[in-house]
Full PDB file with SEQRES, HELIX, SHEET, SSBOND, CRYST1, ORIGX, SCALE, CONECT and MASTER records, all heavy atoms in Angstrom:
SEQRES   1 A   32  SER ASN CYS GLN HIS SER HIS LEU ALA ASP VAL TRP VAL          
SEQRES   2 A   32  SER VAL GLN PHE HIS PRO THR SER LEU SER LEU HIS LEU          
SEQRES   3 A   32  ALA ASN GLY ARG PRO TRP                                      
HELIX    1 AA1 ASN A    2  HIS A    5  1                                   4    
HELIX    2 AA2 PRO A   19  LEU A   26  1                                   8    
HELIX    3 AA3 ALA A   27  GLY A   29  5                                   3    
CRYST1    1.000    1.000    1.000  90.00  90.00  90.00 P 1           1          
ORIGX1      1.000000  0.000000  0.000000        0.00000                         
ORIGX2      0.000000  1.000000  0.000000        0.00000                         
ORIGX3      0.000000  0.000000  1.000000        0.00000                         
SCALE1      1.000000  0.000000  0.000000        0.00000                         
SCALE2      0.000000  1.000000  0.000000        0.00000                         
SCALE3      0.000000  0.000000  1.000000        0.00000                         
ATOM      1  N   SER A   1      90.931 105.015 106.378  1.00  0.00           N  
ATOM      2  CA  SER A   1      91.515 104.380 107.561  1.00  0.00           C  
ATOM      3  C   SER A   1      90.589 104.524 108.760  1.00  0.00           C  
ATOM      4  O   SER A   1      90.472 103.605 109.584  1.00  0.00           O  
ATOM      5  CB  SER A   1      92.887 104.984 107.857  1.00  0.00           C  
ATOM      6  OG  SER A   1      93.808 104.691 106.817  1.00  0.00           O  
ATOM      7  N   ASN A   2      89.911 105.668 108.869  1.00  0.00           N  
ATOM      8  CA  ASN A   2      88.934 105.837 109.941  1.00  0.00           C  
ATOM      9  C   ASN A   2      87.805 104.817 109.809  1.00  0.00           C  
ATOM     10  O   ASN A   2      87.334 104.266 110.808  1.00  0.00           O  
ATOM     11  CB  ASN A   2      88.360 107.254 109.910  1.00  0.00           C  
ATOM     12  CG  ASN A   2      89.342 108.292 110.410  1.00  0.00           C  
ATOM     13  OD1 ASN A   2      90.263 107.989 111.168  1.00  0.00           O  
ATOM     14  ND2 ASN A   2      89.168 109.527 109.976  1.00  0.00           N  
ATOM     15  N   CYS A   3      87.371 104.556 108.581  1.00  0.00           N  
ATOM     16  CA  CYS A   3      86.341 103.533 108.370  1.00  0.00           C  
ATOM     17  C   CYS A   3      86.834 102.166 108.825  1.00  0.00           C  
ATOM     18  O   CYS A   3      86.110 101.419 109.498  1.00  0.00           O  
ATOM     19  CB  CYS A   3      85.949 103.471 106.894  1.00  0.00           C  
ATOM     20  SG  CYS A   3      85.015 104.902 106.297  1.00  0.00           S  
ATOM     21  N   GLN A   4      88.065 101.836 108.459  1.00  0.00           N  
ATOM     22  CA  GLN A   4      88.617 100.535 108.826  1.00  0.00           C  
ATOM     23  C   GLN A   4      88.664 100.362 110.335  1.00  0.00           C  
ATOM     24  O   GLN A   4      88.213  99.340 110.872  1.00  0.00           O  
ATOM     25  CB  GLN A   4      90.014 100.380 108.236  1.00  0.00           C  
ATOM     26  CG  GLN A   4      90.687  99.058 108.596  1.00  0.00           C  
ATOM     27  CD  GLN A   4      92.107  98.976 108.081  1.00  0.00           C  
ATOM     28  OE1 GLN A   4      92.706  99.975 107.721  1.00  0.00           O  
ATOM     29  NE2 GLN A   4      92.659  97.770 108.050  1.00  0.00           N  
ATOM     30  N   HIS A   5      89.195 101.352 111.042  1.00  0.00           N  
ATOM     31  CA  HIS A   5      89.323 101.232 112.491  1.00  0.00           C  
ATOM     32  C   HIS A   5      87.983 101.354 113.210  1.00  0.00           C  
ATOM     33  O   HIS A   5      87.846 100.893 114.343  1.00  0.00           O  
ATOM     34  CB  HIS A   5      90.303 102.278 113.007  1.00  0.00           C  
ATOM     35  CG  HIS A   5      91.716 102.056 112.545  1.00  0.00           C  
ATOM     36  ND1 HIS A   5      92.437 100.947 112.896  1.00  0.00           N  
ATOM     37  CD2 HIS A   5      92.520 102.786 111.733  1.00  0.00           C  
ATOM     38  CE1 HIS A   5      93.639 100.992 112.336  1.00  0.00           C  
ATOM     39  NE2 HIS A   5      93.711 102.102 111.628  1.00  0.00           N  
ATOM     40  N   SER A   6      87.002 101.984 112.556  1.00  0.00           N  
ATOM     41  CA  SER A   6      85.661 102.084 113.129  1.00  0.00           C  
ATOM     42  C   SER A   6      84.825 100.847 112.827  1.00  0.00           C  
ATOM     43  O   SER A   6      83.659 100.781 113.227  1.00  0.00           O  
ATOM     44  CB  SER A   6      84.950 103.324 112.575  1.00  0.00           C  
ATOM     45  OG  SER A   6      85.679 104.504 112.822  1.00  0.00           O  
ATOM     46  N   HIS A   7      85.412  99.885 112.098  1.00  0.00           N  
ATOM     47  CA  HIS A   7      84.729  98.638 111.720  1.00  0.00           C  
ATOM     48  C   HIS A   7      83.469  98.923 110.907  1.00  0.00           C  
ATOM     49  O   HIS A   7      82.409  98.313 111.121  1.00  0.00           O  
ATOM     50  CB  HIS A   7      84.403  97.813 112.971  1.00  0.00           C  
ATOM     51  CG  HIS A   7      85.602  97.510 113.813  1.00  0.00           C  
ATOM     52  ND1 HIS A   7      86.606  96.651 113.419  1.00  0.00           N  
ATOM     53  CD2 HIS A   7      85.992  97.997 115.030  1.00  0.00           C  
ATOM     54  CE1 HIS A   7      87.545  96.600 114.346  1.00  0.00           C  
ATOM     55  NE2 HIS A   7      87.204  97.403 115.336  1.00  0.00           N  
ATOM     56  N   LEU A   8      83.604  99.856 109.962  1.00  0.00           N  
ATOM     57  CA  LEU A   8      82.529 100.169 109.031  1.00  0.00           C  
ATOM     58  C   LEU A   8      82.992  99.726 107.647  1.00  0.00           C  
ATOM     59  O   LEU A   8      83.912 100.315 107.069  1.00  0.00           O  
ATOM     60  CB  LEU A   8      82.217 101.670 109.051  1.00  0.00           C  
ATOM     61  CG  LEU A   8      81.759 102.229 110.404  1.00  0.00           C  
ATOM     62  CD1 LEU A   8      81.544 103.729 110.314  1.00  0.00           C  
ATOM     63  CD2 LEU A   8      80.491 101.526 110.894  1.00  0.00           C  
ATOM     64  N   ALA A   9      82.358  98.692 107.125  1.00  0.00           N  
ATOM     65  CA  ALA A   9      82.879  98.043 105.921  1.00  0.00           C  
ATOM     66  C   ALA A   9      82.089  98.359 104.655  1.00  0.00           C  
ATOM     67  O   ALA A   9      82.458  97.897 103.575  1.00  0.00           O  
ATOM     68  CB  ALA A   9      82.906  96.526 106.127  1.00  0.00           C  
ATOM     69  N   ASP A  10      81.013  99.143 104.762  1.00  0.00           N  
ATOM     70  CA  ASP A  10      80.243  99.526 103.578  1.00  0.00           C  
ATOM     71  C   ASP A  10      80.556 100.986 103.266  1.00  0.00           C  
ATOM     72  O   ASP A  10      80.033 101.903 103.932  1.00  0.00           O  
ATOM     73  CB  ASP A  10      78.745  99.326 103.816  1.00  0.00           C  
ATOM     74  CG  ASP A  10      78.391  97.854 103.938  1.00  0.00           C  
ATOM     75  OD1 ASP A  10      78.565  97.125 102.943  1.00  0.00           O  
ATOM     76  OD2 ASP A  10      77.960  97.435 105.033  1.00  0.00           O  
ATOM     77  N   VAL A  11      81.422 101.184 102.293  1.00  0.00           N  
ATOM     78  CA  VAL A  11      81.947 102.521 102.008  1.00  0.00           C  
ATOM     79  C   VAL A  11      81.786 102.814 100.527  1.00  0.00           C  
ATOM     80  O   VAL A  11      82.279 102.060  99.672  1.00  0.00           O  
ATOM     81  CB  VAL A  11      83.441 102.626 102.402  1.00  0.00           C  
ATOM     82  CG1 VAL A  11      83.961 104.027 102.116  1.00  0.00           C  
ATOM     83  CG2 VAL A  11      83.636 102.257 103.872  1.00  0.00           C  
ATOM     84  N   TRP A  12      81.091 103.892 100.213  1.00  0.00           N  
ATOM     85  CA  TRP A  12      80.942 104.356  98.835  1.00  0.00           C  
ATOM     86  C   TRP A  12      81.757 105.628  98.650  1.00  0.00           C  
ATOM     87  O   TRP A  12      81.721 106.524  99.505  1.00  0.00           O  
ATOM     88  CB  TRP A  12      79.477 104.648  98.518  1.00  0.00           C  
ATOM     89  CG  TRP A  12      78.573 103.443  98.576  1.00  0.00           C  
ATOM     90  CD1 TRP A  12      78.937 102.147  98.814  1.00  0.00           C  
ATOM     91  CD2 TRP A  12      77.156 103.441  98.413  1.00  0.00           C  
ATOM     92  NE1 TRP A  12      77.843 101.333  98.791  1.00  0.00           N  
ATOM     93  CE2 TRP A  12      76.723 102.093  98.546  1.00  0.00           C  
ATOM     94  CE3 TRP A  12      76.216 104.417  98.156  1.00  0.00           C  
ATOM     95  CZ2 TRP A  12      75.390 101.725  98.442  1.00  0.00           C  
ATOM     96  CZ3 TRP A  12      74.877 104.068  98.042  1.00  0.00           C  
ATOM     97  CH2 TRP A  12      74.463 102.726  98.185  1.00  0.00           C  
ATOM     98  N   VAL A  13      82.475 105.722  97.550  1.00  0.00           N  
ATOM     99  CA  VAL A  13      83.292 106.892  97.255  1.00  0.00           C  
ATOM    100  C   VAL A  13      82.767 107.540  95.985  1.00  0.00           C  
ATOM    101  O   VAL A  13      82.777 106.928  94.911  1.00  0.00           O  
ATOM    102  CB  VAL A  13      84.781 106.517  97.082  1.00  0.00           C  
ATOM    103  CG1 VAL A  13      85.612 107.757  96.730  1.00  0.00           C  
ATOM    104  CG2 VAL A  13      85.320 105.876  98.362  1.00  0.00           C  
ATOM    105  N   SER A  14      82.297 108.761  96.109  1.00  0.00           N  
ATOM    106  CA  SER A  14      81.789 109.513  94.968  1.00  0.00           C  
ATOM    107  C   SER A  14      82.933 110.287  94.325  1.00  0.00           C  
ATOM    108  O   SER A  14      83.580 111.108  94.977  1.00  0.00           O  
ATOM    109  CB  SER A  14      80.691 110.480  95.427  1.00  0.00           C  
ATOM    110  OG  SER A  14      80.351 111.380  94.401  1.00  0.00           O  
ATOM    111  N   VAL A  15      83.213 110.006  93.051  1.00  0.00           N  
ATOM    112  CA  VAL A  15      84.315 110.671  92.347  1.00  0.00           C  
ATOM    113  C   VAL A  15      83.760 111.397  91.130  1.00  0.00           C  
ATOM    114  O   VAL A  15      82.718 111.041  90.587  1.00  0.00           O  
ATOM    115  CB  VAL A  15      85.395 109.670  91.910  1.00  0.00           C  
ATOM    116  CG1 VAL A  15      85.984 108.956  93.100  1.00  0.00           C  
ATOM    117  CG2 VAL A  15      84.847 108.665  90.911  1.00  0.00           C  
ATOM    118  N   GLN A  16      84.481 112.435  90.692  1.00  0.00           N  
ATOM    119  CA  GLN A  16      84.025 113.189  89.532  1.00  0.00           C  
ATOM    120  C   GLN A  16      85.203 113.696  88.708  1.00  0.00           C  
ATOM    121  O   GLN A  16      85.319 113.382  87.529  1.00  0.00           O  
ATOM    122  CB  GLN A  16      83.135 114.346  89.977  1.00  0.00           C  
ATOM    123  CG  GLN A  16      82.537 115.148  88.837  1.00  0.00           C  
ATOM    124  CD  GLN A  16      81.290 115.897  89.248  1.00  0.00           C  
ATOM    125  OE1 GLN A  16      80.200 115.359  89.272  1.00  0.00           O  
ATOM    126  NE2 GLN A  16      81.467 117.170  89.575  1.00  0.00           N  
ATOM    127  N   PHE A  17      86.077 114.477  89.294  1.00  0.00           N  
ATOM    128  CA  PHE A  17      87.197 115.049  88.567  1.00  0.00           C  
ATOM    129  C   PHE A  17      88.407 114.116  88.607  1.00  0.00           C  
ATOM    130  O   PHE A  17      88.754 113.583  89.659  1.00  0.00           O  
ATOM    131  CB  PHE A  17      87.579 116.409  89.163  1.00  0.00           C  
ATOM    132  CG  PHE A  17      86.531 117.467  88.961  1.00  0.00           C  
ATOM    133  CD1 PHE A  17      85.534 117.662  89.893  1.00  0.00           C  
ATOM    134  CD2 PHE A  17      86.536 118.251  87.821  1.00  0.00           C  
ATOM    135  CE1 PHE A  17      84.561 118.631  89.714  1.00  0.00           C  
ATOM    136  CE2 PHE A  17      85.569 119.219  87.625  1.00  0.00           C  
ATOM    137  CZ  PHE A  17      84.574 119.416  88.567  1.00  0.00           C  
ATOM    138  N   HIS A  18      89.045 113.916  87.470  1.00  0.00           N  
ATOM    139  CA  HIS A  18      90.237 113.072  87.358  1.00  0.00           C  
ATOM    140  C   HIS A  18      90.042 111.737  88.085  1.00  0.00           C  
ATOM    141  O   HIS A  18      90.838 111.372  88.967  1.00  0.00           O  
ATOM    142  CB  HIS A  18      91.461 113.795  87.931  1.00  0.00           C  
ATOM    143  CG  HIS A  18      91.695 115.142  87.336  1.00  0.00           C  
ATOM    144  ND1 HIS A  18      91.965 115.322  85.999  1.00  0.00           N  
ATOM    145  CD2 HIS A  18      91.699 116.377  87.888  1.00  0.00           C  
ATOM    146  CE1 HIS A  18      92.137 116.614  85.756  1.00  0.00           C  
ATOM    147  NE2 HIS A  18      91.968 117.270  86.880  1.00  0.00           N  
ATOM    148  N   PRO A  19      89.006 110.981  87.758  1.00  0.00           N  
ATOM    149  CA  PRO A  19      88.716 109.762  88.528  1.00  0.00           C  
ATOM    150  C   PRO A  19      89.800 108.703  88.437  1.00  0.00           C  
ATOM    151  O   PRO A  19      89.964 107.912  89.365  1.00  0.00           O  
ATOM    152  CB  PRO A  19      87.404 109.265  87.908  1.00  0.00           C  
ATOM    153  CG  PRO A  19      87.368 109.853  86.537  1.00  0.00           C  
ATOM    154  CD  PRO A  19      88.034 111.191  86.664  1.00  0.00           C  
ATOM    155  N   THR A  20      90.553 108.680  87.332  1.00  0.00           N  
ATOM    156  CA  THR A  20      91.577 107.640  87.198  1.00  0.00           C  
ATOM    157  C   THR A  20      92.637 107.767  88.277  1.00  0.00           C  
ATOM    158  O   THR A  20      93.104 106.769  88.846  1.00  0.00           O  
ATOM    159  CB  THR A  20      92.233 107.711  85.808  1.00  0.00           C  
ATOM    160  OG1 THR A  20      91.214 107.558  84.809  1.00  0.00           O  
ATOM    161  CG2 THR A  20      93.266 106.608  85.638  1.00  0.00           C  
ATOM    162  N   SER A  21      93.032 109.017  88.591  1.00  0.00           N  
ATOM    163  CA  SER A  21      94.073 109.217  89.605  1.00  0.00           C  
ATOM    164  C   SER A  21      93.663 108.640  90.944  1.00  0.00           C  
ATOM    165  O   SER A  21      94.499 108.132  91.696  1.00  0.00           O  
ATOM    166  CB  SER A  21      94.379 110.715  89.749  1.00  0.00           C  
ATOM    167  OG  SER A  21      93.251 111.426  90.239  1.00  0.00           O  
ATOM    168  N   LEU A  22      92.367 108.696  91.244  1.00  0.00           N  
ATOM    169  CA  LEU A  22      91.879 108.178  92.524  1.00  0.00           C  
ATOM    170  C   LEU A  22      91.635 106.672  92.454  1.00  0.00           C  
ATOM    171  O   LEU A  22      91.978 105.935  93.378  1.00  0.00           O  
ATOM    172  CB  LEU A  22      90.593 108.901  92.915  1.00  0.00           C  
ATOM    173  CG  LEU A  22      90.060 108.613  94.313  1.00  0.00           C  
ATOM    174  CD1 LEU A  22      91.101 108.945  95.375  1.00  0.00           C  
ATOM    175  CD2 LEU A  22      88.785 109.398  94.567  1.00  0.00           C  
ATOM    176  N   SER A  23      91.075 106.208  91.342  1.00  0.00           N  
ATOM    177  CA  SER A  23      90.770 104.777  91.222  1.00  0.00           C  
ATOM    178  C   SER A  23      92.039 103.928  91.295  1.00  0.00           C  
ATOM    179  O   SER A  23      92.038 102.852  91.899  1.00  0.00           O  
ATOM    180  CB  SER A  23      90.033 104.507  89.908  1.00  0.00           C  
ATOM    181  OG  SER A  23      88.772 105.146  89.907  1.00  0.00           O  
ATOM    182  N   LEU A  24      93.125 104.403  90.688  1.00  0.00           N  
ATOM    183  CA  LEU A  24      94.384 103.671  90.761  1.00  0.00           C  
ATOM    184  C   LEU A  24      94.849 103.511  92.199  1.00  0.00           C  
ATOM    185  O   LEU A  24      95.369 102.475  92.600  1.00  0.00           O  
ATOM    186  CB  LEU A  24      95.456 104.391  89.937  1.00  0.00           C  
ATOM    187  CG  LEU A  24      95.296 104.329  88.412  1.00  0.00           C  
ATOM    188  CD1 LEU A  24      96.324 105.235  87.751  1.00  0.00           C  
ATOM    189  CD2 LEU A  24      95.432 102.903  87.907  1.00  0.00           C  
ATOM    190  N   HIS A  25      94.639 104.555  92.995  1.00  0.00           N  
ATOM    191  CA  HIS A  25      95.079 104.505  94.391  1.00  0.00           C  
ATOM    192  C   HIS A  25      94.175 103.615  95.233  1.00  0.00           C  
ATOM    193  O   HIS A  25      94.652 102.912  96.132  1.00  0.00           O  
ATOM    194  CB  HIS A  25      95.117 105.913  94.979  1.00  0.00           C  
ATOM    195  CG  HIS A  25      95.537 105.945  96.408  1.00  0.00           C  
ATOM    196  ND1 HIS A  25      96.830 105.692  96.816  1.00  0.00           N  
ATOM    197  CD2 HIS A  25      94.835 106.168  97.551  1.00  0.00           C  
ATOM    198  CE1 HIS A  25      96.911 105.777  98.136  1.00  0.00           C  
ATOM    199  NE2 HIS A  25      95.710 106.062  98.604  1.00  0.00           N  
ATOM    200  N   LEU A  26      92.884 103.617  94.948  1.00  0.00           N  
ATOM    201  CA  LEU A  26      91.948 102.876  95.797  1.00  0.00           C  
ATOM    202  C   LEU A  26      92.174 101.368  95.745  1.00  0.00           C  
ATOM    203  O   LEU A  26      91.913 100.676  96.737  1.00  0.00           O  
ATOM    204  CB  LEU A  26      90.508 103.209  95.386  1.00  0.00           C  
ATOM    205  CG  LEU A  26      90.052 104.635  95.701  1.00  0.00           C  
ATOM    206  CD1 LEU A  26      88.649 104.881  95.163  1.00  0.00           C  
ATOM    207  CD2 LEU A  26      90.102 104.916  97.197  1.00  0.00           C  
ATOM    208  N   ALA A  27      92.626 100.854  94.613  1.00  0.00           N  
ATOM    209  CA  ALA A  27      93.014  99.436  94.524  1.00  0.00           C  
ATOM    210  C   ALA A  27      91.948  98.501  95.086  1.00  0.00           C  
ATOM    211  O   ALA A  27      92.243  97.578  95.846  1.00  0.00           O  
ATOM    212  CB  ALA A  27      94.347  99.214  95.258  1.00  0.00           C  
ATOM    213  N   ASN A  28      90.686  98.766  94.718  1.00  0.00           N  
ATOM    214  CA  ASN A  28      89.557  97.924  95.161  1.00  0.00           C  
ATOM    215  C   ASN A  28      89.382  97.895  96.677  1.00  0.00           C  
ATOM    216  O   ASN A  28      88.703  97.024  97.213  1.00  0.00           O  
ATOM    217  CB  ASN A  28      89.703  96.491  94.635  1.00  0.00           C  
ATOM    218  CG  ASN A  28      89.667  96.431  93.120  1.00  0.00           C  
ATOM    219  OD1 ASN A  28      88.895  97.151  92.498  1.00  0.00           O  
ATOM    220  ND2 ASN A  28      90.510  95.607  92.537  1.00  0.00           N  
ATOM    221  N   GLY A  29      90.007  98.826  97.373  1.00  0.00           N  
ATOM    222  CA  GLY A  29      89.830  98.910  98.821  1.00  0.00           C  
ATOM    223  C   GLY A  29      90.736  98.021  99.635  1.00  0.00           C  
ATOM    224  O   GLY A  29      90.626  97.970 100.868  1.00  0.00           O  
ATOM    225  N   ARG A  30      91.657  97.322  98.993  1.00  0.00           N  
ATOM    226  CA  ARG A  30      92.477  96.340  99.711  1.00  0.00           C  
ATOM    227  C   ARG A  30      93.281  96.931 100.872  1.00  0.00           C  
ATOM    228  O   ARG A  30      93.332  96.324 101.946  1.00  0.00           O  
ATOM    229  CB  ARG A  30      93.405  95.619  98.736  1.00  0.00           C  
ATOM    230  CG  ARG A  30      94.289  94.561  99.406  1.00  0.00           C  
ATOM    231  CD  ARG A  30      95.027  93.733  98.382  1.00  0.00           C  
ATOM    232  NE  ARG A  30      94.088  93.012  97.525  1.00  0.00           N  
ATOM    233  CZ  ARG A  30      94.460  92.298  96.472  1.00  0.00           C  
ATOM    234  NH1 ARG A  30      95.735  92.213  96.139  1.00  0.00           N  
ATOM    235  NH2 ARG A  30      93.551  91.661  95.749  1.00  0.00           N  
ATOM    236  N   PRO A  31      93.932  98.095 100.718  1.00  0.00           N  
ATOM    237  CA  PRO A  31      94.754  98.592 101.838  1.00  0.00           C  
ATOM    238  C   PRO A  31      93.959  98.842 103.119  1.00  0.00           C  
ATOM    239  O   PRO A  31      94.538  98.874 104.205  1.00  0.00           O  
ATOM    240  CB  PRO A  31      95.339  99.898 101.286  1.00  0.00           C  
ATOM    241  CG  PRO A  31      95.309  99.738  99.801  1.00  0.00           C  
ATOM    242  CD  PRO A  31      94.062  98.963  99.529  1.00  0.00           C  
ATOM    243  N   TRP A  32      92.627  99.021 102.990  1.00  0.00           N  
ATOM    244  CA  TRP A  32      91.790  99.323 104.161  1.00  0.00           C  
ATOM    245  C   TRP A  32      90.841  98.167 104.483  1.00  0.00           C  
ATOM    246  O   TRP A  32      89.838  98.357 105.164  1.00  0.00           O  
ATOM    247  CB  TRP A  32      90.998 100.608 103.887  1.00  0.00           C  
ATOM    248  CG  TRP A  32      91.907 101.708 103.438  1.00  0.00           C  
ATOM    249  CD1 TRP A  32      92.645 102.551 104.224  1.00  0.00           C  
ATOM    250  CD2 TRP A  32      92.226 102.037 102.079  1.00  0.00           C  
ATOM    251  NE1 TRP A  32      93.392 103.390 103.438  1.00  0.00           N  
ATOM    252  CE2 TRP A  32      93.167 103.104 102.123  1.00  0.00           C  
ATOM    253  CE3 TRP A  32      91.814 101.547 100.842  1.00  0.00           C  
ATOM    254  CZ2 TRP A  32      93.697 103.678 100.961  1.00  0.00           C  
ATOM    255  CZ3 TRP A  32      92.344 102.109  99.693  1.00  0.00           C  
ATOM    256  CH2 TRP A  32      93.260 103.162  99.755  1.00  0.00           C  
TER     257      TRP A  32                                                      
MASTER        0    0    0    3    0    0    0    6  256    1    0    3          
END                                                                             
């Protein structure tokens, strides 16, 4: 949300442990 309000649209998320739990939530970035 900080990225969205800061108008920064190039965001990489590094995941490692239990990646499915996070990927399901990220939803391709649509909420942000």
